[in-house]
């Protein structure tokens, strides 16, 4: 699956009312895969004690807090401030794309408008995020598949002194589904259909093109949702495709082609 250029300038706008702070570091690392976050802002009413946990996280990751008072009980003024800032940034044309971090459906129209303007839109939120917002993004990433630093520290074994003992670095992320669990039928069929959509006369399709097509069909598609770090690993686990690595001009790089197995 191809990813965006790291040279892309991204505006990261975070809704503090709708995302936890525990995995912000992992979230920013994920965003860096798609571009450079040149603007990092987070919106909330910082006079509220419920947001006090954000302070250290923001300082460590150079995220600018934007104060937005809750003028009326039951109304979310944070959304309005974030939307206005997004449109201001759009009209200054200082970025190539936006990363909207929220699980709130109220940002659906904003995501649609930004894409209409030709900007890349990446959404990040929890699994509870409504489908309309997910569909409005070019790509949507579930927070649940990103490492949670708070939970990781809680899992560290205790040394003799009572302090957390050193641990080998984790190589796998926390997945939405456990590795090896049955792939949902509709997802499996979407993968098969995408391979056939792109297949040449011999039935072969380039895996990178397949990954891009899957994202167009379902912005929230990610092999990590099913316990696999890479799409190639997920494809192999399905046992429905022939897999053929092909040499390229670069001896260190191989292109992977796949085709549906014939019965």
Protein backbone atom coordinates (compact mmCIF):
# COMPACT_ATOMS: atom_id res chain seq x y z
CA UNK A 1 0.00 0.00 0.00
CA UNK A 2 1.49 3.29 -1.06
CA UNK A 3 1.67 6.15 1.36
CA UNK A 4 1.78 9.90 0.94
CA UNK A 5 4.99 11.82 0.45
CA UNK A 6 6.77 12.88 3.65
CA UNK A 7 7.21 16.29 1.96
CA UNK A 8 3.48 17.01 2.15
CA UNK A 9 2.66 19.80 4.61
CA UNK A 10 -0.13 18.82 6.97
CA UNK A 11 -2.29 20.78 9.40
CA UNK A 12 -3.13 18.64 12.42
CA UNK A 13 -6.29 19.81 14.19
CA UNK A 14 -7.32 17.92 17.34
CA UNK A 15 -10.67 17.96 19.10
CA UNK A 16 -9.68 17.52 22.77
CA UNK A 17 -13.27 16.76 23.77
CA UNK A 18 -13.48 13.64 21.62
CA UNK A 19 -10.09 11.90 21.75
CA UNK A 20 -7.97 10.58 24.66
CA UNK A 21 -4.49 11.98 25.28
CA UNK A 22 -2.80 8.66 26.11
CA UNK A 23 -1.61 7.85 22.58
CA UNK A 24 -0.92 11.32 21.16
CA UNK A 25 2.76 10.53 20.64
CA UNK A 26 1.91 7.43 18.62
CA UNK A 27 -0.71 9.39 16.71
CA UNK A 28 1.80 12.05 15.64
CA UNK A 29 4.24 9.32 14.62
CA UNK A 30 1.49 7.82 12.47
CA UNK A 31 0.77 11.19 10.87
CA UNK A 32 4.46 11.57 10.02
CA UNK A 33 4.10 8.60 7.66
CA UNK A 34 1.91 10.72 5.41
CA UNK A 35 3.58 14.12 5.61
CA UNK A 36 5.14 16.78 7.83
CA UNK A 37 2.80 18.31 10.45
CA UNK A 38 3.62 22.00 10.00
CA UNK A 39 0.60 23.16 12.04
CA UNK A 40 -0.41 21.34 15.23
CA UNK A 41 -3.36 22.73 17.18
CA UNK A 42 -5.74 21.30 19.74
CA UNK A 43 -9.08 22.81 20.72
CA UNK A 44 -10.87 22.69 24.05
CA UNK A 45 -11.94 24.57 27.15
CA UNK A 46 -8.70 24.35 29.12
CA UNK A 47 -10.37 25.76 32.24
CA UNK A 48 -12.12 22.41 32.65
CA UNK A 49 -10.38 19.91 34.98
CA UNK A 50 -11.30 17.05 32.62
CA UNK A 51 -8.63 18.29 30.18
CA UNK A 52 -5.84 18.68 32.73
CA UNK A 53 -4.12 15.48 31.56
CA UNK A 54 -3.29 17.09 28.23
CA UNK A 55 -0.80 19.65 29.60
CA UNK A 56 2.34 17.50 29.68
CA UNK A 57 1.48 15.81 26.39
CA UNK A 58 1.13 19.12 24.57
CA UNK A 59 4.46 20.43 25.86
CA UNK A 60 6.29 17.26 24.89
CA UNK A 61 4.88 17.23 21.35
CA UNK A 62 4.80 20.98 20.56
CA UNK A 63 1.04 21.09 20.05
CA UNK A 64 -0.53 24.54 20.42
CA UNK A 65 -3.64 24.63 22.66
CA UNK A 66 -6.47 26.86 21.48
CA UNK A 67 -8.78 28.06 24.25
CA UNK A 68 -12.48 27.89 23.48
CA UNK A 69 -14.91 28.57 26.32
CA UNK A 70 -18.14 26.62 26.56
CA UNK A 71 -20.51 29.56 26.28
CA UNK A 72 -23.69 27.52 26.64
CA UNK A 73 -24.26 24.27 28.50
CA UNK A 74 -24.76 21.36 26.12
CA UNK A 75 -23.29 23.19 23.11
CA UNK A 76 -19.89 22.29 21.67
CA UNK A 77 -18.21 25.55 20.72
CA UNK A 78 -14.92 23.69 20.23
CA UNK A 79 -16.20 22.29 16.93
CA UNK A 80 -16.94 25.76 15.56
CA UNK A 81 -13.50 27.11 16.48
CA UNK A 82 -11.79 24.14 14.83
CA UNK A 83 -13.87 24.47 11.66
CA UNK A 84 -13.20 28.22 11.37
CA UNK A 85 -9.45 27.68 11.80
CA UNK A 86 -9.47 24.90 9.20
CA UNK A 87 -11.11 27.18 6.64
CA UNK A 88 -8.68 30.01 7.43
CA UNK A 89 -5.75 27.64 6.88
CA UNK A 90 -7.34 26.38 3.65
CA UNK A 91 -7.64 29.88 2.20
CA UNK A 92 -4.04 30.77 3.07
CA UNK A 93 -2.99 27.70 1.05
CA UNK A 94 -0.14 26.96 3.48
CA UNK A 95 -0.68 23.20 3.63
CA UNK A 96 -1.24 20.27 1.28
CA UNK A 97 -3.55 18.36 3.57
CA UNK A 98 -5.37 18.17 6.88
CA UNK A 99 -5.47 15.63 9.67
CA UNK A 100 -8.70 15.92 11.63
CA UNK A 101 -8.50 14.13 14.96
CA UNK A 102 -11.96 13.54 16.37
CA UNK A 103 -14.67 10.93 16.76
CA UNK A 104 -17.38 13.53 16.15
CA UNK A 105 -19.66 13.36 13.11
CA UNK A 106 -19.94 17.17 13.13
CA UNK A 107 -16.73 17.37 11.09
CA UNK A 108 -18.18 15.43 8.15
CA UNK A 109 -19.00 18.54 6.11
CA UNK A 110 -15.60 20.08 6.88
CA UNK A 111 -13.80 16.97 5.60
CA UNK A 112 -15.92 17.01 2.46
CA UNK A 113 -15.23 20.70 1.84
CA UNK A 114 -11.48 20.29 2.29
CA UNK A 115 -11.41 17.42 -0.20
CA UNK A 116 -13.45 19.47 -2.66
CA UNK A 117 -10.64 22.03 -2.46
CA UNK A 118 -8.16 19.35 -3.50
CA UNK A 119 -6.61 18.79 -0.07
CA UNK A 120 -5.69 15.40 1.38
CA UNK A 121 -7.85 14.66 4.42
CA UNK A 122 -6.82 12.07 7.01
CA UNK A 123 -9.19 11.34 9.87
CA UNK A 124 -8.17 9.80 13.18
CA UNK A 125 -10.68 8.73 15.80
CA UNK A 126 -12.08 5.92 17.89
CA UNK A 127 -14.04 2.98 16.50
CA UNK A 128 -17.25 4.64 17.64
CA UNK A 129 -16.76 7.35 14.98
CA UNK A 130 -19.90 7.58 12.80
CA UNK A 131 -19.59 6.24 9.25
CA UNK A 132 -20.37 9.57 7.49
CA UNK A 133 -17.23 11.23 8.91
CA UNK A 134 -15.11 8.18 8.06
CA UNK A 135 -16.40 8.14 4.48
CA UNK A 136 -15.74 11.86 4.06
CA UNK A 137 -11.98 11.37 4.57
CA UNK A 138 -9.38 10.10 2.11
CA UNK A 139 -8.16 7.80 4.87
CA UNK A 140 -9.40 7.12 8.37
CA UNK A 141 -7.23 5.55 11.10
CA UNK A 142 -8.65 4.04 14.27
CA UNK A 143 -6.95 5.13 17.49
CA UNK A 144 -7.30 1.59 18.83
CA UNK A 145 -4.60 0.27 16.49
CA UNK A 146 -2.01 2.78 17.71
CA UNK A 147 0.25 2.08 20.72
CA UNK A 148 -1.08 3.42 24.02
CA UNK A 149 1.86 4.66 26.11
CA UNK A 150 -0.18 4.73 29.32
CA UNK A 151 -1.26 1.09 28.99
CA UNK A 152 2.23 0.07 27.88
CA UNK A 153 3.73 1.47 31.09
CA UNK A 154 1.12 -0.34 33.15
CA UNK A 155 2.14 -3.60 31.48
CA UNK A 156 5.86 -3.18 32.24
CA UNK A 157 7.18 -5.87 34.64
CA UNK A 158 8.51 -4.62 37.97
CA UNK A 159 12.22 -4.93 38.73
CA UNK A 160 13.75 -5.74 42.09
CA UNK A 161 13.63 -2.09 43.12
CA UNK A 162 9.94 -1.87 42.39
CA UNK A 163 10.60 0.31 39.34
CA UNK A 164 9.52 -0.80 35.85
CA UNK A 165 12.12 -3.20 34.44
CA UNK A 166 13.57 -2.71 30.98
CA UNK A 167 11.57 -4.38 28.26
CA UNK A 168 12.24 -5.24 24.65
CA UNK A 169 10.61 -2.78 22.26
CA UNK A 170 7.19 -3.78 21.04
CA UNK A 171 7.04 -4.76 17.39
CA UNK A 172 3.30 -5.12 17.13
CA UNK A 173 0.61 -2.53 17.71
CA UNK A 174 -2.58 -3.04 19.65
CA UNK A 175 -4.96 -4.32 17.01
CA UNK A 176 -8.70 -3.94 16.70
CA UNK A 177 -8.93 -7.67 15.99
CA UNK A 178 -6.54 -10.32 17.19
CA UNK A 179 -4.18 -11.73 14.59
CA UNK A 180 -5.57 -14.88 13.07
CA UNK A 181 -9.21 -14.03 13.78
CA UNK A 182 -11.60 -14.56 10.92
CA UNK A 183 -11.64 -11.73 8.40
CA UNK A 184 -15.16 -10.31 7.95
CA UNK A 185 -16.77 -11.71 4.82
CA UNK A 186 -17.51 -8.28 3.36
CA UNK A 187 -13.89 -7.20 3.78
CA UNK A 188 -12.56 -10.38 2.19
CA UNK A 189 -14.91 -9.99 -0.77
CA UNK A 190 -13.91 -6.34 -1.17
CA UNK A 191 -10.25 -7.38 -1.39
CA UNK A 192 -11.03 -10.08 -3.97
CA UNK A 193 -13.13 -7.68 -6.04
CA UNK A 194 -10.38 -5.03 -5.92
CA UNK A 195 -7.76 -7.50 -7.15
CA UNK A 196 -10.03 -8.52 -10.02
CA UNK A 197 -10.77 -4.86 -10.84
CA UNK A 198 -7.05 -4.21 -11.36
CA UNK A 199 -5.99 -7.58 -12.80
CA UNK A 200 -4.19 -7.76 -16.17
CA UNK A 201 -5.02 -10.35 -18.81
CA UNK A 202 -3.26 -13.01 -16.74
CA UNK A 203 -5.09 -12.09 -13.56
CA UNK A 204 -2.15 -10.38 -11.80
CA UNK A 205 -2.55 -7.10 -9.89
CA UNK A 206 0.12 -4.94 -8.23
CA UNK A 207 -0.38 -5.02 -4.46
CA UNK A 208 0.33 -1.28 -4.11
CA UNK A 209 -2.50 -0.46 -6.52
CA UNK A 210 -4.79 -2.87 -4.68
CA UNK A 211 -4.08 -1.07 -1.40
CA UNK A 212 -4.86 2.32 -2.92
CA UNK A 213 -8.13 1.06 -4.41
CA UNK A 214 -9.19 -0.44 -1.08
CA UNK A 215 -8.73 2.95 0.60
CA UNK A 216 -10.89 4.60 -2.06
CA UNK A 217 -13.61 2.06 -1.46
CA UNK A 218 -13.32 2.11 2.35
CA UNK A 219 -11.24 4.93 3.92
CA UNK A 220 -11.01 3.09 7.25
CA UNK A 221 -9.42 0.00 5.69
CA UNK A 222 -6.12 -0.85 7.38
CA UNK A 223 -4.48 -4.25 7.68
CA UNK A 224 -3.69 -3.38 11.32
CA UNK A 225 -7.43 -3.41 12.04
CA UNK A 226 -7.20 -7.19 11.59
CA UNK A 227 -3.93 -7.79 13.44
CA UNK A 228 -1.46 -7.52 10.53
CA UNK A 229 1.21 -4.85 10.21
CA UNK A 230 1.26 -5.00 6.40
CA UNK A 231 -1.27 -5.63 3.68
CA UNK A 232 0.96 -8.36 2.23
CA UNK A 233 0.72 -10.30 5.52
CA UNK A 234 -3.07 -10.00 5.52
CA UNK A 235 -3.24 -11.17 1.89
CA UNK A 236 -1.06 -14.18 2.67
CA UNK A 237 -3.20 -15.14 5.66
CA UNK A 238 -6.33 -15.30 3.47
CA UNK A 239 -4.90 -18.20 1.42
CA UNK A 240 -6.97 -17.09 -1.57
CA UNK A 241 -4.23 -15.56 -3.70
CA UNK A 242 -1.11 -16.55 -5.57
CA UNK A 243 1.72 -14.19 -4.55
CA UNK A 244 4.62 -13.34 -6.85
CA UNK A 245 7.47 -10.96 -5.84
CA UNK A 246 9.01 -9.34 -8.95
CA UNK A 247 12.41 -7.71 -9.31
CA UNK A 248 12.71 -3.98 -9.95
CA UNK A 249 15.56 -1.72 -11.09
CA UNK A 250 16.50 -1.46 -7.41
CA UNK A 251 17.94 -4.80 -6.28
CA UNK A 252 16.75 -4.13 -2.73
CA UNK A 253 13.12 -3.53 -3.76
CA UNK A 254 10.63 -6.06 -5.05
CA UNK A 255 7.11 -5.40 -6.26
CA UNK A 256 4.49 -7.85 -5.07
CA UNK A 257 1.82 -9.02 -7.50
CA UNK A 258 -1.17 -11.15 -6.54
CA UNK A 259 -3.98 -12.98 -8.29
CA UNK A 260 -6.94 -15.01 -7.14
CA UNK A 261 -6.27 -18.72 -6.99
CA UNK A 262 -8.10 -20.85 -9.54
CA UNK A 263 -10.14 -23.75 -8.22
